């Protein structure tokens, strides 16, 4: 997934993610530092993981626009 997608497209994409897809994206996210243990992600709801992933991507977009 590209962090440069428009926010509405990004939200639609993330909304369709399963828990496993969210965990995969969070594990491989490199634009900003994220520090979540595998155990915590496994215990966390898919809705919360989607929220965190959306926040990470929108924060990354702001960072890249400012830099």
Protein backbone atom coordinates (compact mmCIF):
# COMPACT_ATOMS: atom_id res chain seq x y z
CA UNK A 1 0.00 0.00 0.00
CA UNK A 2 1.28 3.45 -0.85
CA UNK A 3 1.31 6.04 1.92
CA UNK A 4 0.70 8.65 -0.82
CA UNK A 5 -2.87 7.49 -1.57
CA UNK A 6 -5.66 10.02 -0.99
CA UNK A 7 -7.03 9.69 2.54
CA UNK A 8 -10.45 8.40 1.44
CA UNK A 9 -8.88 5.66 -0.69
CA UNK A 10 -6.50 4.78 2.11
CA UNK A 11 -9.39 4.49 4.58
CA UNK A 12 -11.36 2.25 2.19
CA UNK A 13 -8.34 0.01 1.67
CA UNK A 14 -7.61 -0.32 5.39
CA UNK A 15 -11.28 -0.95 6.17
CA UNK A 16 -11.10 -4.07 4.02
CA UNK A 17 -8.06 -5.49 5.84
CA UNK A 18 -8.29 -8.56 8.02
CA UNK A 19 -6.48 -8.65 11.34
CA UNK A 20 -3.66 -10.62 9.74
CA UNK A 21 -3.28 -8.03 6.96
CA UNK A 22 -3.18 -5.20 9.51
CA UNK A 23 -0.50 -6.98 11.53
CA UNK A 24 1.53 -7.62 8.39
CA UNK A 25 1.31 -3.95 7.37
CA UNK A 26 2.26 -2.75 10.87
CA UNK A 27 5.23 -5.12 11.03
CA UNK A 28 6.53 -3.95 7.66
CA UNK A 29 5.80 -0.22 8.13
CA UNK A 30 9.05 1.74 7.81
CA UNK A 31 8.10 5.40 7.34
CA UNK A 32 7.86 6.20 11.06
CA UNK A 33 8.99 4.12 14.04
CA UNK A 34 6.34 1.76 15.43
CA UNK A 35 7.00 -0.44 18.44
CA UNK A 36 4.28 -3.02 18.98
CA UNK A 37 4.94 -6.55 20.18
CA UNK A 38 3.47 -9.47 18.29
CA UNK A 39 1.65 -10.52 21.47
CA UNK A 40 0.00 -7.11 21.84
CA UNK A 41 -1.10 -7.03 18.20
CA UNK A 42 -2.57 -10.53 18.50
CA UNK A 43 -4.62 -9.46 21.56
CA UNK A 44 -5.79 -6.21 19.98
CA UNK A 45 -9.03 -5.91 18.01
CA UNK A 46 -8.94 -5.56 14.24
CA UNK A 47 -10.74 -2.22 14.61
CA UNK A 48 -7.94 -0.84 16.82
CA UNK A 49 -5.25 -2.18 14.48
CA UNK A 50 -6.97 -0.50 11.53
CA UNK A 51 -7.14 2.75 13.49
CA UNK A 52 -3.42 2.58 14.32
CA UNK A 53 -2.53 1.74 10.72
CA UNK A 54 -4.59 4.65 9.41
CA UNK A 55 -2.91 6.98 11.91
CA UNK A 56 0.52 5.71 10.89
CA UNK A 57 -0.14 6.27 7.19
CA UNK A 58 -1.67 9.74 7.64
CA UNK A 59 1.19 10.76 9.93
CA UNK A 60 3.63 9.51 7.32
CA UNK A 61 1.84 11.55 4.63
CA UNK A 62 2.12 14.72 6.71
CA UNK A 63 5.78 14.02 7.40
CA UNK A 64 6.58 13.55 3.71
CA UNK A 65 4.68 16.72 2.71
CA UNK A 66 6.54 18.79 5.32
CA UNK A 67 9.97 17.38 4.42
